[in-house]
Amino acid sequence: MKIGDKISVLDEDISGEVIAITGDMVTMLDMDGFEIQYTKKELIIESGAVSDFDLTPHNISEILSEKQAKKNINSKKIKPKERNLPPMEVDLHINQLTSTTRGMDNYDMLTLQIDTAKRQLEFAMSKRIQRIVFIHGVGDGRLRADLEFLLNRYDNLKFHDADYQKYGVGATEVYIFQNKI
């Protein structure tokens, strides 16, 4: 590689002309008039013989492995099956939450159910779980109304009746919008 050679960057769509060479660093004047520095390993010569670059299978595999290592460090891939995981299910029936209701009045039972829902919702948010189904049953609708009141206090979620075929009318599905970190 020498001054005046037409060169291109291996992993970017940039080409230009060599204007300076200092050790392993090459200064290139790109098509827009900017001076950019690259190592010799990151460049290929457009004009002239390929032998000027001294391409060997070892150099190619070394360059590709460095590029793959950089790619693996920078990208966190979300697998398709993780996007469509089944929702977390929380059964709020009182017999699922406590072994006995002896000594509890309706207010105590409702408080236990709502506290459990809140605790499970906070858990899901902390573990970045996107969907939860709260199974509350049909009853007279008091638990459902209090659950909807609780869910309305959060800005980062939406909720609707859960899948009728699977849960019937006694369940609410919650979708949590996750903030990107």
Protein backbone atom coordinates (compact mmCIF):
# COMPACT_ATOMS: atom_id res chain seq x y z
CA MET A 1 0.00 0.00 0.00
CA LYS A 2 1.35 3.40 -0.98
CA ILE A 3 0.23 7.03 -1.14
CA GLY A 4 -2.20 7.59 -3.99
CA ASP A 5 -3.71 4.07 -3.94
CA LYS A 6 -7.49 3.80 -4.18
CA ILE A 7 -8.71 1.89 -1.12
CA SER A 8 -11.93 0.69 0.54
CA VAL A 9 -12.80 -0.15 4.14
CA LEU A 10 -13.58 -3.84 4.67
CA ASP A 11 -16.67 -3.63 6.89
CA GLU A 12 -18.03 -0.21 5.91
CA ASP A 13 -19.18 1.36 2.65
CA ILE A 14 -16.33 3.89 2.56
CA SER A 15 -13.69 4.31 -0.09
CA GLY A 16 -11.07 6.90 -0.89
CA GLU A 17 -7.40 7.56 -1.53
CA VAL A 18 -4.35 6.99 0.68
CA ILE A 19 -2.80 10.33 1.67
CA ALA A 20 -0.47 9.23 4.48
CA ILE A 21 0.97 6.05 6.01
CA THR A 22 2.41 6.03 9.54
CA GLY A 23 3.47 2.58 10.74
CA ASP A 24 0.34 0.39 10.72
CA MET A 25 -2.03 3.37 10.42
CA VAL A 26 -3.26 4.62 7.03
CA THR A 27 -4.85 8.05 6.59
CA MET A 28 -7.48 8.06 3.87
CA LEU A 29 -9.23 10.97 2.15
CA ASP A 30 -12.77 9.73 1.56
CA MET A 31 -15.10 10.73 -1.29
CA ASP A 32 -16.64 13.52 0.86
CA GLY A 33 -13.26 15.11 1.60
CA PHE A 34 -12.84 13.81 5.17
CA GLU A 35 -9.56 12.41 6.46
CA ILE A 36 -10.07 9.11 8.30
CA GLN A 37 -7.48 6.80 9.85
CA TYR A 38 -7.65 2.99 9.70
CA THR A 39 -5.26 0.15 10.36
CA LYS A 40 -3.90 -1.65 7.30
CA LYS A 41 -5.91 -4.74 8.28
CA GLU A 42 -9.18 -2.85 7.86
CA LEU A 43 -8.46 -1.74 4.26
CA ILE A 44 -8.22 -3.25 0.80
CA ILE A 45 -6.68 -1.78 -2.33
CA GLU A 46 -9.13 -1.11 -5.18
CA SER A 47 -6.60 -0.21 -7.86
CA GLY A 48 -3.55 -2.35 -8.45
CA ALA A 49 -2.93 -6.02 -8.01
CA VAL A 50 -4.49 -8.01 -5.21
CA SER A 51 -1.01 -9.20 -4.25
CA ASP A 52 -0.32 -5.65 -2.97
CA PHE A 53 -2.53 -6.46 0.03
CA ASP A 54 -0.99 -9.91 0.54
CA LEU A 55 -4.28 -11.76 0.98
CA THR A 56 -3.78 -15.13 2.55
CA PRO A 57 -6.36 -17.48 4.04
CA HIS A 58 -4.88 -16.70 7.47
CA ASN A 59 -5.37 -12.93 7.07
CA ILE A 60 -8.93 -13.35 5.84
CA SER A 61 -9.91 -15.68 8.68
CA GLU A 62 -8.25 -13.36 11.21
CA ILE A 63 -10.16 -10.35 9.91
CA LEU A 64 -13.46 -12.24 9.86
CA SER A 65 -12.97 -13.58 13.40
CA GLU A 66 -12.22 -10.04 14.69
CA LYS A 67 -15.34 -8.74 12.98
CA GLN A 68 -17.45 -11.58 14.43
CA ALA A 69 -16.04 -10.95 17.93
CA LYS A 70 -17.01 -7.25 17.69
CA LYS A 71 -20.48 -8.21 16.48
CA ASN A 72 -21.02 -10.68 19.36
CA ILE A 73 -20.02 -8.09 21.96
CA ASN A 74 -22.33 -5.36 20.68
CA SER A 75 -25.51 -7.32 19.95
CA LYS A 76 -27.87 -8.99 22.37
CA LYS A 77 -30.20 -11.08 20.28
CA ILE A 78 -33.77 -11.68 21.41
CA LYS A 79 -34.85 -15.10 20.30
CA PRO A 80 -38.23 -15.30 18.58
CA LYS A 81 -39.52 -17.81 21.12
CA GLU A 82 -38.68 -15.39 23.97
CA ARG A 83 -40.91 -12.74 22.37
CA ASN A 84 -43.89 -15.08 22.36
CA LEU A 85 -43.48 -16.70 25.76
CA PRO A 86 -46.74 -17.68 27.44
CA PRO A 87 -47.91 -15.16 29.99
CA MET A 88 -47.17 -15.47 33.68
CA GLU A 89 -50.36 -16.70 35.41
CA VAL A 90 -51.40 -15.53 38.87
CA ASP A 91 -54.43 -17.24 40.41
CA LEU A 92 -56.07 -14.83 42.85
CA HIS A 93 -58.66 -17.29 44.18
CA ILE A 94 -58.44 -17.10 47.96
CA ASN A 95 -58.04 -20.88 48.37
CA GLN A 96 -54.87 -20.63 46.21
CA LEU A 97 -53.38 -17.89 48.40
CA THR A 98 -53.99 -19.23 51.88
CA SER A 99 -54.66 -22.61 53.41
CA THR A 100 -57.56 -21.40 55.54
CA THR A 101 -59.82 -18.37 55.63
CA ARG A 102 -60.73 -18.92 59.27
CA GLY A 103 -60.79 -15.60 61.11
CA MET A 104 -60.73 -13.58 57.87
CA ASP A 105 -63.61 -11.39 56.81
CA ASN A 106 -64.31 -10.33 53.20
CA TYR A 107 -62.16 -7.19 53.56
CA ASP A 108 -59.14 -9.23 54.74
CA MET A 109 -59.51 -11.70 51.88
CA LEU A 110 -59.83 -8.93 49.28
CA THR A 111 -56.81 -7.12 50.74
CA LEU A 112 -54.74 -10.31 50.55
CA GLN A 113 -55.77 -10.84 46.92
CA ILE A 114 -54.99 -7.26 45.84
CA ASP A 115 -51.66 -7.25 47.74
CA THR A 116 -50.73 -10.50 45.98
CA ALA A 117 -51.64 -9.00 42.60
CA LYS A 118 -49.55 -5.88 43.30
CA ARG A 119 -46.57 -7.94 44.51
CA GLN A 120 -46.72 -10.21 41.43
CA LEU A 121 -47.04 -7.21 39.11
CA GLU A 122 -43.97 -5.56 40.66
CA PHE A 123 -42.10 -8.87 40.39
CA ALA A 124 -42.97 -9.14 36.69
CA MET A 125 -41.78 -5.58 36.07
CA SER A 126 -38.48 -6.21 37.85
CA LYS A 127 -37.89 -9.44 35.89
CA ARG A 128 -38.97 -7.79 32.60
CA ILE A 129 -41.86 -10.21 32.07
CA GLN A 130 -44.16 -8.63 29.49
CA ARG A 131 -47.46 -10.45 29.99
CA ILE A 132 -49.37 -11.54 33.09
CA VAL A 133 -52.79 -13.12 33.40
CA PHE A 134 -54.59 -12.53 36.69
CA ILE A 135 -57.23 -15.20 37.26
CA HIS A 136 -59.85 -13.63 39.51
CA GLY A 137 -63.00 -15.62 38.78
CA VAL A 138 -66.47 -14.29 38.06
CA GLY A 139 -68.09 -13.80 41.49
CA ASP A 140 -69.83 -10.49 42.14
CA GLY A 141 -67.05 -8.49 40.43
CA ARG A 142 -65.55 -6.81 43.49
CA LEU A 143 -62.06 -8.35 43.05
CA ARG A 144 -62.10 -7.55 39.32
CA ALA A 145 -63.07 -3.92 40.01
CA ASP A 146 -60.32 -3.49 42.62
CA LEU A 147 -57.80 -5.18 40.30
CA GLU A 148 -58.71 -2.77 37.49
CA PHE A 149 -58.36 0.15 39.93
CA LEU A 150 -54.86 -1.11 40.84
CA LEU A 151 -53.86 -1.54 37.18
CA ASN A 152 -55.10 1.94 36.24
CA ARG A 153 -52.52 3.43 38.62
CA TYR A 154 -49.67 2.27 36.34
CA ASP A 155 -48.75 4.22 33.19
CA ASN A 156 -46.62 1.57 31.53
CA LEU A 157 -49.25 -1.15 31.04
CA LYS A 158 -52.50 -1.96 29.36
CA PHE A 159 -55.00 -4.66 30.24
CA HIS A 160 -58.00 -6.45 28.80
CA ASP A 161 -60.04 -9.62 29.27
CA ALA A 162 -57.86 -12.69 28.86
CA ASP A 163 -58.44 -15.37 26.22
CA TYR A 164 -62.03 -16.53 26.67
CA GLN A 165 -61.39 -20.07 25.37
CA LYS A 166 -58.64 -20.67 27.92
CA TYR A 167 -59.75 -18.67 30.98
CA GLY A 168 -63.44 -17.91 30.52
CA VAL A 169 -64.67 -14.49 31.66
CA GLY A 170 -62.86 -14.58 35.01
CA ALA A 171 -59.36 -13.45 33.97
CA THR A 172 -57.58 -10.24 33.00
CA GLU A 173 -54.47 -10.13 30.80
CA VAL A 174 -51.92 -7.39 31.46
CA TYR A 175 -49.27 -6.26 28.96
CA ILE A 176 -46.32 -4.38 30.48
CA PHE A 177 -44.40 -1.95 28.27
CA GLN A 178 -40.71 -2.42 29.05
CA ASN A 179 -38.28 0.51 28.96
CA LYS A 180 -35.16 -0.17 26.91
CA ILE A 181 -31.98 -0.06 28.91
